[in-house]
Each structure stands twice: as C-alpha cells, then as structure tokens.
C-alpha cells in the first residue's frame, strides 16, 4: 500500500469514526440534525471508500477498512461511551487483527 492509499484509508476511518460517534449520540438524544449529520458522514465515508476500492480492489479495501474501523470504533465505545466486551468478543477482535495482518502481508509472501 502506498502513502496515498494509507492516507485515504486513514481518512475513511476518521470519517466513519465520526459517523459512528454521531450515531451513538443520536441514540442517546435523537434529533433531526444529528440524523442528518450521521447520514452525511456515512455518505462521505463511502465516497472515500469508492476511491480505495478502485485503487486496491473491493476485497482488500473493504476488508482492511472494516477491520480497522472495527477496532477503532471499539476503542471509542470503551473510552468514550463506557461499553465493554466479553472474553469471546475480545478474542474475535484479536482474530480480526490477525486477519488484517495476513491480508496486508499476503501479497509480499505470494509475490503478487
């Protein structure tokens, strides 16, 4: 992955984190403006994802983005909203990290 790809992946992650946080805020105190914000942020994040899909392929782009967002959203859920995960859920998160590592280094090991 080149610098531009990493930058777009980081940008999409930040946008989706903002969207997830706004969605949680909407569930706590629903309002029309919060709902509009959630929809706008998710739409913007998906537009960035289209660029990543074009550059890296659908499987790699969505897998990397999905797992990075999974971990980042859980950090926000724990740190900001006081949520917890069970041991099984924690194991799933750890396996997700392993999956991203394999997806990332796979091309180097297979020569692709």
Protein backbone atom coordinates (compact mmCIF):
# COMPACT_ATOMS: atom_id res chain seq x y z
CA UNK A 1 0.00 0.00 0.00
CA UNK A 2 1.40 3.38 -0.97
CA UNK A 3 1.22 6.62 1.01
CA UNK A 4 -1.88 7.90 -0.81
CA UNK A 5 -3.72 4.65 -0.15
CA UNK A 6 -2.82 4.75 3.53
CA UNK A 7 -3.94 8.39 3.68
CA UNK A 8 -7.32 7.55 2.10
CA UNK A 9 -7.71 4.59 4.46
CA UNK A 10 -6.95 6.86 7.42
CA UNK A 11 -9.36 9.49 6.14
CA UNK A 12 -12.17 6.98 5.69
CA UNK A 13 -11.51 5.60 9.18
CA UNK A 14 -11.72 9.07 10.74
CA UNK A 15 -14.93 9.82 8.87
CA UNK A 16 -16.52 6.51 9.85
CA UNK A 17 -15.44 7.02 13.48
CA UNK A 18 -17.12 10.41 13.47
CA UNK A 19 -20.20 8.84 11.90
CA UNK A 20 -20.33 6.04 14.50
CA UNK A 21 -19.92 8.54 17.34
CA UNK A 22 -22.65 10.73 15.88
CA UNK A 23 -24.88 7.66 15.54
CA UNK A 24 -24.33 6.79 19.22
CA UNK A 25 -25.08 10.40 20.17
CA UNK A 26 -28.29 10.19 18.11
CA UNK A 27 -29.37 7.06 20.01
CA UNK A 28 -28.84 8.88 23.32
CA UNK A 29 -30.61 12.09 22.24
CA UNK A 30 -32.41 11.72 18.89
CA UNK A 31 -32.83 14.83 16.77
CA UNK A 32 -33.21 15.60 13.09
CA UNK A 33 -29.89 17.45 12.83
CA UNK A 34 -27.99 14.52 14.40
CA UNK A 35 -29.63 12.10 11.98
CA UNK A 36 -28.68 14.33 9.03
CA UNK A 37 -25.11 14.51 10.36
CA UNK A 38 -24.93 10.70 10.66
CA UNK A 39 -26.20 10.21 7.12
CA UNK A 40 -23.85 12.85 5.70
CA UNK A 41 -20.80 11.37 7.44
CA UNK A 42 -21.56 7.81 6.34
CA UNK A 43 -22.15 9.03 2.78
CA UNK A 44 -18.83 10.90 2.75
CA UNK A 45 -17.03 7.86 4.16
CA UNK A 46 -18.48 5.68 1.42
CA UNK A 47 -17.33 8.13 -1.25
CA UNK A 48 -13.78 7.82 0.08
CA UNK A 49 -14.19 4.03 0.10
CA UNK A 50 -15.02 4.11 -3.61
CA UNK A 51 -11.55 5.51 -4.26
CA UNK A 52 -9.97 2.77 -2.15
CA UNK A 53 -11.95 0.08 -3.96
CA UNK A 54 -10.80 1.45 -7.31
CA UNK A 55 -7.16 1.58 -6.22
CA UNK A 56 -6.85 -1.69 -4.25
CA UNK A 57 -9.79 -3.87 -5.23
CA UNK A 58 -13.00 -4.49 -3.40
CA UNK A 59 -11.86 -7.40 -1.23
CA UNK A 60 -8.70 -5.82 0.13
CA UNK A 61 -10.12 -2.31 0.56
CA UNK A 62 -13.28 -3.39 2.35
CA UNK A 63 -11.50 -5.98 4.48
CA UNK A 64 -8.81 -3.58 5.67
CA UNK A 65 -11.26 -0.75 6.23
CA UNK A 66 -13.76 -2.95 8.00
CA UNK A 67 -11.31 -4.38 10.50
CA UNK A 68 -9.55 -1.08 11.16
CA UNK A 69 -12.94 0.54 11.78
CA UNK A 70 -13.99 -2.40 13.96
CA UNK A 71 -11.02 -1.86 16.25
CA UNK A 72 -11.18 1.94 16.21
CA UNK A 73 -14.92 2.01 16.92
CA UNK A 74 -14.42 -0.36 19.84
CA UNK A 75 -11.75 1.92 21.30
CA UNK A 76 -14.23 4.82 21.11
CA UNK A 77 -17.01 2.65 22.57
CA UNK A 78 -14.82 1.67 25.54
CA UNK A 79 -13.10 5.01 26.17
CA UNK A 80 -15.92 7.46 25.48
CA UNK A 81 -19.17 5.55 25.99
CA UNK A 82 -18.06 3.11 28.71
CA UNK A 83 -19.06 -0.04 26.82
CA UNK A 84 -17.45 -3.45 27.45
CA UNK A 85 -16.83 -6.69 25.53
CA UNK A 86 -16.87 -10.27 26.74
CA UNK A 87 -13.87 -12.59 26.51
CA UNK A 88 -15.30 -14.21 23.37
CA UNK A 89 -15.82 -10.81 21.75
CA UNK A 90 -12.26 -9.82 22.70
CA UNK A 91 -10.98 -13.00 21.07
CA UNK A 92 -12.91 -12.08 17.93
CA UNK A 93 -11.26 -8.66 17.88
CA UNK A 94 -7.84 -10.29 18.25
CA UNK A 95 -8.59 -12.66 15.37
CA UNK A 96 -9.64 -9.66 13.28
CA UNK A 97 -6.23 -8.09 13.85
CA UNK A 98 -4.57 -11.31 12.72
CA UNK A 99 -6.79 -11.33 9.63
CA UNK A 100 -5.73 -7.80 8.67
CA UNK A 101 -2.09 -8.71 9.15
CA UNK A 102 -2.47 -11.69 6.80
CA UNK A 103 -4.31 -9.60 4.19
CA UNK A 104 -1.66 -6.91 4.37
CA UNK A 105 1.41 -9.14 4.13
CA UNK A 106 -0.15 -11.74 1.84
CA UNK A 107 0.97 -10.08 -1.42
CA UNK A 108 4.56 -9.93 -0.18
CA UNK A 109 4.59 -13.64 0.71
CA UNK A 110 2.93 -14.78 -2.52
CA UNK A 111 4.74 -12.41 -4.86
CA UNK A 112 1.54 -10.69 -6.03
